[in-house]
Amino acid sequence: MTTTAAEALLRDTGAAEIPHPGGTLFAHLRRVRDLLASWGAAEDVRLAGLCHATYGTDGFATALLEPTERHRLVAAVGAPAEALVYLYGSCQRAGVYRHLDRPTITFTDRFTGATTVPGESALRAFAEITAANELDVIRHNAEIAAEHGTALRQLMHRAERHLSPAAIAAWKE
């Protein structure tokens, strides 16, 4: 359950060959992890940031593993980090994003349709990973930054109650 095991799984599942703003998906995932580390995120959150797109996301359809293969990611990063990856990847963003200013939010799982209300620490981790992911994307793609930058800054403003001071500061730069 280390960064090395997680990176090996990401390479084995093709992340280093998938194009993504700033190079490859693998490079993006590593930058997200590093950004979370620079914000002081806990190890489980950093590992989840490194693997956040493993099951694909509502905004990035390419999956490295199917949700039926969760055991493979658990073996690499541990159950707590994998649960954050699943929360991130399974999230139907439209419903969650518009409510990020609330203290509690109902998540709908895009794979199963089930709804859950994550606890405060999971919600904070989700918001931090979202902030790091989107910041890395707009830093590495001027077109996306021009088209979606304002909306993403508004999203991060709504999410401030769930973000660390470091994440807030990075978005205000």
Protein backbone atom coordinates (compact mmCIF):
# COMPACT_ATOMS: atom_id res chain seq x y z
CA MET A 1 0.00 0.00 0.00
CA THR A 2 2.42 2.58 -1.25
CA THR A 3 2.88 5.15 -3.94
CA THR A 4 5.17 2.65 -5.70
CA ALA A 5 2.44 0.00 -5.82
CA ALA A 6 -0.12 2.54 -6.99
CA GLU A 7 2.17 3.86 -9.74
CA ALA A 8 2.93 0.29 -10.88
CA LEU A 9 -0.81 -0.45 -11.14
CA LEU A 10 -1.40 2.79 -13.06
CA ARG A 11 1.39 1.92 -15.52
CA ASP A 12 0.14 -1.67 -15.87
CA THR A 13 -3.35 -0.44 -16.72
CA GLY A 14 -2.12 1.97 -19.40
CA ALA A 15 -2.17 5.39 -17.72
CA ALA A 16 1.23 6.27 -19.20
CA GLU A 17 -0.15 5.85 -22.76
CA ILE A 18 -3.39 7.81 -22.41
CA PRO A 19 -3.21 11.43 -23.64
CA HIS A 20 -4.24 14.10 -21.14
CA PRO A 21 -3.63 17.84 -20.80
CA GLY A 22 0.03 18.25 -19.92
CA GLY A 23 1.14 14.96 -21.48
CA THR A 24 -0.28 11.67 -20.29
CA LEU A 25 -2.87 10.63 -17.75
CA PHE A 26 -0.05 9.17 -15.64
CA ALA A 27 1.79 12.51 -15.59
CA HIS A 28 -1.45 14.31 -14.66
CA LEU A 29 -2.18 11.85 -11.84
CA ARG A 30 1.31 12.33 -10.39
CA ARG A 31 0.94 16.11 -10.56
CA VAL A 32 -2.40 15.92 -8.74
CA ARG A 33 -0.78 13.82 -6.01
CA ASP A 34 2.12 16.27 -5.74
CA LEU A 35 -0.24 19.24 -5.56
CA LEU A 36 -2.21 17.57 -2.78
CA ALA A 37 1.05 16.86 -0.94
CA SER A 38 2.06 20.53 -1.26
CA TRP A 39 -1.28 21.44 0.35
CA GLY A 40 -0.54 19.13 3.29
CA ALA A 41 -3.06 16.41 2.41
CA ALA A 42 -3.00 13.14 4.34
CA GLU A 43 -1.41 10.08 2.73
CA ASP A 44 -4.78 8.46 1.90
CA VAL A 45 -5.90 11.64 0.12
CA ARG A 46 -2.59 11.86 -1.79
CA LEU A 47 -2.94 8.21 -2.87
CA ALA A 48 -6.56 8.83 -3.87
CA GLY A 49 -5.45 11.88 -5.85
CA LEU A 50 -2.84 9.77 -7.61
CA CYS A 51 -5.48 7.21 -8.56
CA HIS A 52 -8.55 9.44 -8.85
CA ALA A 53 -9.32 8.52 -12.47
CA THR A 54 -8.85 4.76 -12.07
CA TYR A 55 -12.57 4.06 -12.62
CA GLY A 56 -12.97 6.99 -15.01
CA THR A 57 -14.99 9.99 -13.93
CA ASP A 58 -18.14 11.82 -14.92
CA GLY A 59 -15.83 14.17 -16.86
CA PHE A 60 -13.22 11.66 -18.15
CA ALA A 61 -14.76 8.45 -19.47
CA THR A 62 -11.56 6.42 -19.86
CA ALA A 63 -11.32 3.86 -17.06
CA LEU A 64 -8.17 1.96 -16.10
CA LEU A 65 -10.15 -0.54 -14.03
CA GLU A 66 -13.81 -1.43 -13.88
CA PRO A 67 -15.64 -0.93 -10.58
CA THR A 68 -15.86 -4.73 -10.36
CA GLU A 69 -12.05 -4.73 -10.00
CA ARG A 70 -11.92 -2.56 -6.90
CA HIS A 71 -9.94 -5.24 -5.08
CA ARG A 72 -6.95 -4.53 -7.34
CA LEU A 73 -6.82 -0.89 -6.28
CA VAL A 74 -7.43 -1.79 -2.63
CA ALA A 75 -4.35 -4.06 -2.81
CA ALA A 76 -2.26 -1.15 -4.13
CA VAL A 77 -3.46 1.77 -1.99
CA GLY A 78 -5.52 0.33 0.86
CA ALA A 79 -9.24 0.43 1.52
CA PRO A 80 -9.48 4.04 2.81
CA ALA A 81 -7.76 5.55 -0.26
CA GLU A 82 -9.66 3.28 -2.64
CA ALA A 83 -12.96 4.34 -1.07
CA LEU A 84 -12.06 7.96 -1.86
CA VAL A 85 -11.15 7.02 -5.44
CA TYR A 86 -14.48 5.25 -5.82
CA LEU A 87 -16.37 8.22 -4.35
CA TYR A 88 -14.60 10.55 -6.78
CA GLY A 89 -15.01 8.32 -9.83
CA SER A 90 -18.60 7.29 -9.15
CA CYS A 91 -19.85 10.82 -8.48
CA GLN A 92 -22.51 12.28 -10.75
CA ARG A 93 -20.95 15.73 -10.79
CA ALA A 94 -23.93 17.86 -11.81
CA GLY A 95 -25.86 17.13 -8.63
CA VAL A 96 -22.87 17.39 -6.31
CA TYR A 97 -21.13 20.40 -7.82
CA ARG A 98 -24.12 22.70 -7.52
CA HIS A 99 -24.38 21.90 -3.80
CA LEU A 100 -20.71 22.15 -2.79
CA ASP A 101 -21.52 25.18 -0.66
CA ARG A 102 -23.58 22.99 1.70
CA PRO A 103 -22.20 21.26 4.81
CA THR A 104 -23.60 17.89 3.70
CA ILE A 105 -24.23 16.67 0.18
CA THR A 106 -26.03 13.67 -1.25
CA PHE A 107 -23.94 11.85 -3.84
CA THR A 108 -25.46 9.69 -6.57
CA ASP A 109 -23.29 6.80 -7.72
CA ARG A 110 -23.15 6.94 -11.53
CA PHE A 111 -22.43 3.20 -11.68
CA THR A 112 -25.23 1.93 -9.44
CA GLY A 113 -27.66 4.83 -8.97
CA ALA A 114 -27.37 4.47 -5.18
CA THR A 115 -27.25 7.62 -3.07
CA THR A 116 -25.00 8.28 -0.09
CA VAL A 117 -24.12 11.19 2.15
CA PRO A 118 -20.35 11.09 2.70
CA GLY A 119 -18.97 12.08 6.07
CA GLU A 120 -17.10 15.33 6.55
CA SER A 121 -13.61 13.87 5.99
CA ALA A 122 -14.64 12.10 2.76
CA LEU A 123 -16.35 15.26 1.52
CA ARG A 124 -13.23 17.31 2.29
CA ALA A 125 -11.06 14.77 0.46
CA PHE A 126 -13.42 14.83 -2.52
CA ALA A 127 -13.24 18.64 -2.64
CA GLU A 128 -9.44 18.70 -2.33
CA ILE A 129 -9.00 16.11 -5.08
CA THR A 130 -11.45 18.04 -7.26
CA ALA A 131 -9.56 21.28 -6.65
CA ALA A 132 -6.17 19.69 -7.44
CA ASN A 133 -7.47 17.88 -10.52
CA GLU A 134 -9.15 20.89 -12.08
CA LEU A 135 -6.27 23.23 -11.24
CA ASP A 136 -3.80 20.90 -12.93
CA VAL A 137 -6.02 20.61 -16.02
CA ILE A 138 -6.37 24.36 -16.50
CA ARG A 139 -2.67 24.91 -15.82
CA HIS A 140 -1.86 22.53 -18.68
CA ASN A 141 -4.53 23.40 -21.22
CA ALA A 142 -5.08 27.05 -22.15
CA GLU A 143 -8.17 26.20 -24.20
CA ILE A 144 -9.89 24.49 -21.27
CA ALA A 145 -8.79 27.34 -18.98
CA ALA A 146 -10.30 29.91 -21.34
CA GLU A 147 -13.54 27.98 -21.80
CA HIS A 148 -14.11 26.70 -18.25
CA GLY A 149 -11.80 28.70 -15.98
CA THR A 150 -14.44 31.11 -14.73
CA ALA A 151 -16.93 28.32 -13.97
CA LEU A 152 -14.23 26.32 -12.20
CA ARG A 153 -13.22 29.31 -10.06
CA GLN A 154 -16.89 29.73 -9.13
CA LEU A 155 -17.06 26.02 -8.27
CA MET A 156 -14.02 26.31 -6.02
CA HIS A 157 -15.51 29.39 -4.35
CA ARG A 158 -18.67 27.37 -3.58
CA ALA A 159 -16.51 24.52 -2.25
CA GLU A 160 -14.40 26.70 0.08
CA ARG A 161 -16.07 25.38 3.24
CA HIS A 162 -14.63 21.94 2.35
CA LEU A 163 -11.18 23.06 1.13
CA SER A 164 -7.91 23.56 2.97
CA PRO A 165 -6.51 27.09 3.17
CA ALA A 166 -3.71 25.97 0.82
CA ALA A 167 -6.19 24.80 -1.84
CA ILE A 168 -8.17 28.04 -1.54
CA ALA A 169 -4.98 30.09 -1.90
CA ALA A 170 -3.88 28.09 -4.97
CA TRP A 171 -7.20 28.82 -6.67
CA LYS A 172 -7.01 32.50 -5.80
CA GLU A 173 -3.57 32.87 -7.43
